[in-house]
Amino acid sequence: MTHEFDRVIERRGTGSTKWDTFAPDVLPLWVADMDFAPPPAVREAVRRHVDHGIYGYGLVPASLREAICRYQRERHGWAIEPEWLVFLPSLVPGLNCCCRAFAAAGEEVMTITPVYPPFLAAPANQERRLVAVPATLRDGRWELPLRAMEEAVTPQTRVFLFCHPHNPLGRVWRQEEVRALAAFCQCHDLVLCSDEIHADLTLDQLPHLPAAMADERVVSRTVVLCSPSKAYNMPGLKLAYAVIPDEGLRKGFRRAGRGFLEYDYPSWFGPVAAEAAYRHGGDWLAALLDYLRGNRDLVESFVAARLPRVRMAHIEATYLAWLDARAVQLADPAAACLAAGVGLSDGAFFGAPGYLRLNFGCSRSVLEEALRRLEPVLGGEPSGPSVLEVRG
């Protein structure tokens, strides 16, 4: 049966970062932007806004704040208050605000690598020092490197940037892991900044525990960054928000953005799209997750059967596959894949040279063609052990 997500929507020539960065014959499976039209309710809400005909400055309506509170309560069991919300144009400014607000120049910001590249750039952007701790791969599963974190933390460490669920590792951190991280931050007096933009994209039957719910003692030191942009595929509409329960932390966060962030004055279209997604997008999201599971399973089975030198852990969340291509022994794996007609993200930008990130948020026919093109580049006989080694 044909699924709505099977429809290939032509995006070339539309000013798309994903599609117009490469030559027309390249299939781009890189930046975290799906090729699916957002929920019908979102499209209809934006269409009505377009038809209004005047695109002036926008405000965040009280109805959106209420919709967010209800959504977080019903989907994740998290009871939040409207006044805890601070609106942003996207999630990346939130990472930078946390670095600026809660660490002084020259002090340290810790994170786990590999990770979404803005995590690595934000500390230096704000004249703070990055402390990068590699995640541990054990028995084919990525884990929090708690022992290495204890060894790396210093009295100068002030902030922990946490990717939850993790991009690009595809992990849904278990409740005991989130609680262990909360205890670590409590013990070392760190502000915990948790990027939860992929929280609604869990592919396995695993609960997402918002970081602020991990331990009541950590609520006053937690900033949670959220957005409907990934799950409902509308990043170009530019709306994200921070959930900051502590008033003092919230004031510090806002103060850090003075002069370059207009909090609560979003794009004209972002709030109406977000509210439509949160109120009416549930059935669409359920269908999307089912389709992504099929794509995930296709990638995992293809890698296991046809790319014996490539290693990957099971993907529990997101639409991003993290491929270890080091055993293929290519000087530049991303460039080799691009020459074969597939644009992937270079693992070096995530702090892991030799790895590749593949975005499977596309129609299955596009994904199948991309995998077909990748086989001659990344396939062949294995040159190393067949089991995943322990690192970290």
Protein backbone atom coordinates (compact mmCIF):
# COMPACT_ATOMS: atom_id res chain seq x y z
CA MET A 1 0.00 0.00 0.00
CA THR A 2 1.33 3.43 -0.91
CA HIS A 3 1.98 5.59 2.14
CA GLU A 4 1.88 9.39 2.18
CA PHE A 5 5.54 9.34 3.19
CA ASP A 6 6.39 7.43 0.02
CA ARG A 7 5.60 10.54 -2.04
CA VAL A 8 8.77 12.17 -3.36
CA ILE A 9 8.44 15.95 -3.18
CA GLU A 10 10.79 17.81 -5.51
CA ARG A 11 12.90 20.16 -3.39
CA ARG A 12 15.66 21.06 -5.81
CA GLY A 13 15.63 24.69 -6.86
CA THR A 14 13.58 25.80 -3.83
CA GLY A 15 16.41 27.35 -1.83
CA SER A 16 16.66 24.19 0.27
CA THR A 17 19.83 23.90 2.33
CA LYS A 18 19.54 20.14 2.16
CA TRP A 19 18.98 19.76 -1.57
CA ASP A 20 20.53 22.82 -3.19
CA THR A 21 23.92 22.54 -1.49
CA PHE A 22 24.92 19.69 -3.82
CA ALA A 23 24.84 19.04 -7.55
CA PRO A 24 21.44 17.95 -8.98
CA ASP A 25 22.51 14.30 -9.32
CA VAL A 26 23.37 13.93 -5.62
CA LEU A 27 20.95 12.40 -3.12
CA PRO A 28 21.40 14.43 0.08
CA LEU A 29 21.05 12.40 3.27
CA TRP A 30 22.90 14.80 5.54
CA VAL A 31 21.40 17.77 7.44
CA ALA A 32 18.60 16.87 9.91
CA ASP A 33 15.71 17.95 7.70
CA MET A 34 13.16 15.37 6.57
CA ASP A 35 11.68 15.25 3.06
CA PHE A 36 8.10 14.89 4.29
CA ALA A 37 5.37 17.51 4.24
CA PRO A 38 4.40 18.43 7.82
CA PRO A 39 1.02 17.48 9.30
CA PRO A 40 -2.03 18.69 7.38
CA ALA A 41 -3.08 20.83 10.34
CA VAL A 42 0.26 22.66 10.19
CA ARG A 43 -0.04 23.27 6.47
CA GLU A 44 -3.59 24.56 6.88
CA ALA A 45 -2.64 26.88 9.75
CA VAL A 46 0.24 28.35 7.73
CA ARG A 47 -1.99 28.66 4.66
CA ARG A 48 -4.52 30.70 6.63
CA HIS A 49 -1.74 32.92 7.89
CA VAL A 50 -0.44 33.44 4.35
CA ASP A 51 -3.91 34.33 3.15
CA HIS A 52 -4.19 37.01 5.81
CA GLY A 53 -1.77 38.97 3.66
CA ILE A 54 0.16 41.01 6.25
CA TYR A 55 3.33 39.59 7.72
CA GLY A 56 4.22 41.92 10.57
CA TYR A 57 6.00 41.32 13.85
CA GLY A 58 4.70 38.36 15.81
CA LEU A 59 3.97 37.60 19.44
CA VAL A 60 3.74 34.33 21.32
CA PRO A 61 0.02 33.90 22.13
CA ALA A 62 -1.09 32.53 25.48
CA SER A 63 -2.76 29.69 23.57
CA LEU A 64 0.65 28.41 22.40
CA ARG A 65 2.02 28.45 25.93
CA GLU A 66 -1.02 26.46 27.06
CA ALA A 67 -0.63 24.02 24.15
CA ILE A 68 3.03 23.40 25.02
CA CYS A 69 2.21 22.79 28.68
CA ARG A 70 -0.55 20.35 27.78
CA TYR A 71 1.62 18.57 25.19
CA GLN A 72 4.53 18.05 27.59
CA ARG A 73 2.18 16.82 30.31
CA GLU A 74 0.30 14.37 28.08
CA ARG A 75 3.24 13.08 26.04
CA HIS A 76 6.06 13.05 28.60
CA GLY A 77 4.30 13.37 31.95
CA TRP A 78 6.05 16.65 32.62
CA ALA A 79 4.02 19.32 34.42
CA ILE A 80 5.40 22.73 33.44
CA GLU A 81 4.14 26.27 33.92
CA PRO A 82 3.63 28.86 31.14
CA GLU A 83 5.98 31.34 32.80
CA TRP A 84 8.84 28.83 32.58
CA LEU A 85 8.94 29.17 28.79
CA VAL A 86 11.47 31.37 27.00
CA PHE A 87 11.04 31.45 23.21
CA LEU A 88 13.92 31.29 20.73
CA PRO A 89 14.29 31.36 16.94
CA SER A 90 15.99 27.95 17.08
CA LEU A 91 17.71 25.66 19.51
CA VAL A 92 21.33 26.66 18.78
CA PRO A 93 21.01 30.14 20.34
CA GLY A 94 19.84 28.37 23.49
CA LEU A 95 23.10 26.39 23.67
CA ASN A 96 25.09 29.60 23.27
CA CYS A 97 22.99 31.43 25.87
CA CYS A 98 23.64 28.66 28.40
CA CYS A 99 27.39 28.90 27.83
CA ARG A 100 27.34 32.68 28.16
CA ALA A 101 24.94 32.86 31.10
CA PHE A 102 26.29 30.15 33.37
CA ALA A 103 30.05 30.10 32.72
CA ALA A 104 32.44 33.05 32.77
CA ALA A 105 35.02 33.70 30.06
CA GLY A 106 37.71 31.04 30.27
CA GLU A 107 35.62 28.63 32.33
CA GLU A 108 34.64 25.17 31.11
CA VAL A 109 31.64 23.63 29.40
CA MET A 110 31.47 19.82 29.28
CA THR A 111 29.74 17.61 26.72
CA ILE A 112 29.80 14.05 25.41
CA THR A 113 31.22 13.35 21.95
CA PRO A 114 30.47 12.67 19.18
CA VAL A 115 27.72 15.25 19.20
CA TYR A 116 25.73 17.73 17.12
CA PRO A 117 28.38 20.24 15.94
CA PRO A 118 26.91 23.40 17.61
CA PHE A 119 27.62 21.72 20.98
CA LEU A 120 31.31 21.83 20.08
CA ALA A 121 31.20 25.38 18.73
CA ALA A 122 29.07 27.11 21.38
CA PRO A 123 31.69 27.26 24.18
CA ALA A 124 34.33 28.82 21.93
CA ASN A 125 31.75 31.19 20.46
CA GLN A 126 31.25 32.57 23.97
CA GLU A 127 34.97 32.45 24.94
CA ARG A 128 34.49 29.41 27.17
CA ARG A 129 36.59 26.23 27.09
CA LEU A 130 35.19 22.96 25.80
CA VAL A 131 35.72 19.75 27.76
CA ALA A 132 34.81 16.88 25.40
CA VAL A 133 34.38 13.41 26.90
CA PRO A 134 34.02 10.53 24.41
CA ALA A 135 30.98 8.29 24.82
CA THR A 136 31.66 4.64 25.60
CA LEU A 137 30.73 1.91 23.10
CA ARG A 138 30.19 -1.33 24.99
CA ASP A 139 28.77 -4.52 23.51
CA GLY A 140 27.36 -2.60 20.55
CA ARG A 141 25.62 0.07 22.66
CA TRP A 142 26.67 3.65 23.37
CA GLU A 143 26.82 4.57 27.05
CA LEU A 144 27.36 7.68 29.15
CA PRO A 145 31.06 7.84 30.08
CA LEU A 146 30.42 8.53 33.77
CA ARG A 147 33.87 7.49 34.97
CA ALA A 148 35.62 9.58 32.33
CA MET A 149 33.35 12.53 33.18
CA GLU A 150 34.48 12.33 36.81
CA GLU A 151 38.09 12.32 35.66
CA ALA A 152 37.58 15.30 33.33
CA VAL A 153 35.53 17.63 35.56
CA THR A 154 37.43 20.43 37.31
CA PRO A 155 36.55 23.33 39.62
CA GLN A 156 36.39 25.46 36.47
CA THR A 157 33.60 23.35 34.90
CA ARG A 158 30.29 25.22 35.04
CA VAL A 159 27.88 23.81 32.42
CA PHE A 160 27.02 20.40 31.00
CA LEU A 161 25.52 20.34 27.49
CA PHE A 162 23.45 17.17 27.16
CA CYS A 163 21.93 15.79 23.92
CA HIS A 164 18.83 13.82 24.96
CA PRO A 165 17.90 11.74 22.90
CA HIS A 166 21.31 11.81 21.36
CA ASN A 167 22.28 13.12 17.94
CA PRO A 168 24.08 11.35 16.26
CA LEU A 169 24.28 8.25 18.50
CA GLY A 170 20.53 7.55 18.34
CA ARG A 171 20.34 6.71 22.06
CA VAL A 172 17.30 7.16 24.26
CA TRP A 173 19.08 7.63 27.56
CA ARG A 174 17.47 5.42 30.19
CA GLN A 175 16.00 6.88 33.36
CA GLU A 176 18.87 5.58 35.48
CA GLU A 177 21.37 7.22 33.11
CA VAL A 178 19.59 10.58 33.22
CA ARG A 179 19.42 10.37 37.01
CA ALA A 180 23.14 9.55 37.18
CA LEU A 181 23.91 12.61 35.05
CA ALA A 182 21.66 14.76 37.26
CA ALA A 183 23.55 13.52 40.32
CA PHE A 184 26.85 14.32 38.61
CA CYS A 185 25.69 17.89 37.91
CA GLN A 186 24.40 18.26 41.46
CA CYS A 187 27.67 16.98 42.94
CA HIS A 188 29.84 19.31 40.86
CA ASP A 189 27.51 22.34 40.90
CA LEU A 190 26.93 22.35 37.13
CA VAL A 191 24.04 23.86 35.18
CA LEU A 192 22.50 21.10 33.06
CA CYS A 193 21.45 22.27 29.59
CA SER A 194 19.49 19.47 27.95
CA ASP A 195 18.74 19.54 24.20
CA GLU A 196 15.51 17.53 23.89
CA ILE A 197 14.59 18.48 20.32
CA HIS A 198 14.39 14.77 19.34
CA ALA A 199 12.29 13.73 22.35
CA ASP A 200 9.24 12.99 20.19
CA LEU A 201 11.22 10.80 17.79
CA THR A 202 11.75 7.69 19.89
CA LEU A 203 11.49 4.68 17.57
CA ASP A 204 11.56 1.94 20.21
CA GLN A 205 9.09 1.59 23.07
CA LEU A 206 11.27 3.57 25.45
CA PRO A 207 10.07 6.45 27.64
CA HIS A 208 11.77 9.81 27.39
CA LEU A 209 12.55 11.30 30.80
CA PRO A 210 12.91 15.10 30.62
CA ALA A 211 16.13 16.06 32.38
CA ALA A 212 14.30 18.38 34.76
CA MET A 213 12.28 15.39 36.02
CA ALA A 214 15.32 13.25 36.80
CA ASP A 215 15.71 14.49 40.37
CA GLU A 216 13.88 17.22 42.25
CA ARG A 217 17.24 18.56 43.46
CA VAL A 218 18.36 19.27 39.88
CA VAL A 219 15.28 21.23 38.78
CA SER A 220 16.77 24.53 39.92
CA ARG A 221 19.89 23.99 37.80
CA THR A 222 18.28 22.70 34.58
CA VAL A 223 17.51 24.33 31.21
CA VAL A 224 15.60 22.12 28.76
CA LEU A 225 15.62 23.14 25.10
CA CYS A 226 12.70 21.99 22.92
CA SER A 227 11.13 22.60 19.53
CA PRO A 228 8.51 20.99 17.29
CA SER A 229 10.82 21.53 14.32
CA LYS A 230 12.35 18.03 14.09
CA ALA A 231 9.39 15.78 14.90
CA TYR A 232 6.93 17.78 12.78
CA ASN A 233 9.48 18.77 10.11
CA MET A 234 9.23 22.54 10.10
CA PRO A 235 12.74 23.84 10.99
CA GLY A 236 12.44 26.68 8.47
CA LEU A 237 9.57 28.21 10.46
CA LYS A 238 12.01 29.09 13.25
CA LEU A 239 10.54 28.43 16.65
CA ALA A 240 12.09 26.81 19.71
CA TYR A 241 11.79 27.34 23.43
CA ALA A 242 13.65 26.84 26.67
CA VAL A 243 11.87 25.45 29.70
CA ILE A 244 13.55 26.95 32.79
CA PRO A 245 11.72 26.26 36.06
CA ASP A 246 14.06 28.33 38.26
CA GLU A 247 13.38 32.07 38.11
CA GLY A 248 16.99 33.06 38.78
CA LEU A 249 18.28 30.75 36.07
CA ARG A 250 15.62 32.07 33.72
CA LYS A 251 16.65 35.68 34.33
CA GLY A 252 20.30 34.81 33.75
CA PHE A 253 19.44 33.04 30.51
CA ARG A 254 17.45 36.03 29.23
CA ARG A 255 20.19 38.44 30.30
CA ALA A 256 22.76 36.49 28.28
CA GLY A 257 20.77 37.07 25.09
CA ARG A 258 20.29 40.81 25.41
CA GLY A 259 21.02 42.65 22.21
CA PHE A 260 20.94 39.68 19.84
CA LEU A 261 17.90 37.60 20.80
CA GLU A 262 14.38 38.99 20.82
CA TYR A 263 12.79 36.53 23.20
CA ASP A 264 9.04 36.07 22.72
CA TYR A 265 9.09 37.87 19.34
CA PRO A 266 9.28 34.92 16.94
CA SER A 267 8.72 34.66 13.22
CA TRP A 268 5.19 35.43 12.04
CA PHE A 269 4.54 31.80 11.09
CA GLY A 270 6.34 29.82 13.81
CA PRO A 271 3.78 30.09 16.63
CA VAL A 272 0.72 29.15 14.54
CA ALA A 273 2.55 26.16 13.05
CA ALA A 274 3.80 25.01 16.45
CA GLU A 275 0.39 25.27 18.06
CA ALA A 276 -1.23 23.33 15.19
CA ALA A 277 1.42 20.61 15.48
CA TYR A 278 1.07 20.27 19.22
CA ARG A 279 -2.74 20.29 19.20
CA HIS A 280 -3.54 18.33 16.04
CA GLY A 281 -0.41 16.50 14.84
CA GLY A 282 -0.58 13.37 17.00
CA ASP A 283 -1.96 10.93 14.42
CA TRP A 284 0.48 12.18 11.78
CA LEU A 285 3.41 11.79 14.18
CA ALA A 286 2.38 8.21 14.99
CA ALA A 287 2.32 7.38 11.28
CA LEU A 288 5.68 9.09 10.76
CA LEU A 289 7.32 7.09 13.54
CA ASP A 290 6.02 3.86 12.03
CA TYR A 291 7.48 4.81 8.64
CA LEU A 292 10.82 5.83 10.18
CA ARG A 293 11.02 2.49 11.97
CA GLY A 294 10.77 0.81 8.58
CA ASN A 295 13.53 3.03 7.21
CA ARG A 296 15.66 2.42 10.32
CA ASP A 297 15.24 -1.34 9.95
CA LEU A 298 16.18 -1.12 6.26
CA VAL A 299 19.40 0.78 7.04
CA GLU A 300 20.39 -1.56 9.85
CA SER A 301 19.75 -4.72 7.83
CA PHE A 302 21.51 -3.29 4.78
CA VAL A 303 24.60 -2.35 6.76
CA ALA A 304 24.72 -5.77 8.42
CA ALA A 305 24.29 -7.68 5.16
CA ARG A 306 26.01 -5.52 2.55
CA LEU A 307 28.53 -3.29 4.33
CA PRO A 308 30.54 -5.76 6.46
CA ARG A 309 33.30 -3.26 7.26
CA VAL A 310 30.87 -0.61 8.52
CA ARG A 311 29.74 -0.72 12.14
CA MET A 312 26.64 0.87 13.62
CA ALA A 313 24.77 0.63 16.90
CA HIS A 314 21.01 0.13 17.02
CA ILE A 315 19.07 3.38 16.52
CA GLU A 316 16.58 3.95 19.33
CA ALA A 317 15.57 7.50 18.39
CA THR A 318 15.90 10.18 15.68
CA TYR A 319 16.06 9.56 11.93
CA LEU A 320 19.86 9.62 11.91
CA ALA A 321 22.18 6.63 11.50
CA TRP A 322 25.73 6.83 12.85
CA LEU A 323 28.11 4.77 10.72
CA ASP A 324 31.65 3.80 11.70
CA ALA A 325 33.46 3.64 8.34
CA ARG A 326 37.03 3.63 9.66
CA ALA A 327 37.66 0.00 8.69
CA VAL A 328 36.86 0.84 5.06
CA GLN A 329 40.14 2.79 5.11
CA LEU A 330 39.12 5.71 2.95
CA ALA A 331 41.08 8.93 3.26
CA ASP A 332 37.83 10.92 3.24
CA PRO A 333 34.71 8.73 3.56
CA ALA A 334 32.27 11.63 3.11
CA ALA A 335 34.00 12.77 -0.07
CA ALA A 336 34.01 9.21 -1.44
CA CYS A 337 30.28 8.88 -0.80
CA LEU A 338 29.64 12.25 -2.41
CA ALA A 339 31.55 11.13 -5.51
CA ALA A 340 29.17 8.16 -5.65
CA GLY A 341 26.18 10.51 -5.57
CA VAL A 342 25.20 10.51 -1.88
CA GLY A 343 25.70 13.47 0.43
CA LEU A 344 26.32 12.37 4.02
CA SER A 345 27.46 14.32 7.07
CA ASP A 346 31.19 14.02 7.82
CA GLY A 347 31.78 12.60 11.28
CA ALA A 348 34.72 14.97 11.76
CA PHE A 349 32.25 17.80 12.35
CA PHE A 350 30.79 15.80 15.26
CA GLY A 351 34.24 15.15 16.75
CA ALA A 352 34.66 11.69 15.19
CA PRO A 353 36.70 11.50 11.95
CA GLY A 354 36.03 8.36 9.95
CA TYR A 355 32.36 8.25 10.86
CA LEU A 356 29.38 9.25 8.73
CA ARG A 357 25.87 10.39 9.65
CA LEU A 358 23.06 9.28 7.36
CA ASN A 359 19.62 10.93 7.45
CA PHE A 360 16.93 8.35 6.64
CA GLY A 361 14.06 10.82 6.97
CA CYS A 362 13.11 10.46 3.31
CA SER A 363 10.91 8.35 1.07
CA ARG A 364 11.88 4.69 0.99
CA SER A 365 12.60 4.77 -2.73
CA VAL A 366 15.15 7.56 -2.24
CA LEU A 367 16.73 5.69 0.68
CA GLU A 368 16.96 2.46 -1.31
CA GLU A 369 18.66 4.24 -4.21
CA ALA A 370 21.10 5.97 -1.87
CA LEU A 371 22.03 2.67 -0.24
CA ARG A 372 22.53 1.11 -3.66
CA ARG A 373 24.98 3.89 -4.53
CA LEU A 374 26.84 3.52 -1.23
CA GLU A 375 27.48 -0.23 -1.50
CA PRO A 376 30.39 -0.01 -3.99
CA VAL A 377 32.05 2.65 -1.81
CA LEU A 378 31.55 1.24 1.67
CA GLY A 379 31.06 -2.48 0.94
CA GLY A 380 33.59 -5.26 0.57
CA GLU A 381 35.11 -7.84 2.85
CA PRO A 382 35.66 -6.96 6.50
CA SER A 383 39.25 -6.22 7.48
CA GLY A 384 38.83 -6.34 11.26
CA PRO A 385 36.92 -8.09 14.03
CA SER A 386 33.21 -8.67 13.59
CA VAL A 387 32.22 -7.55 17.04
CA LEU A 388 32.00 -3.98 18.30
CA GLU A 389 34.90 -3.15 20.53
CA VAL A 390 34.80 -1.35 23.87
CA ARG A 391 35.97 2.26 23.79
CA GLY A 392 36.14 5.11 26.23
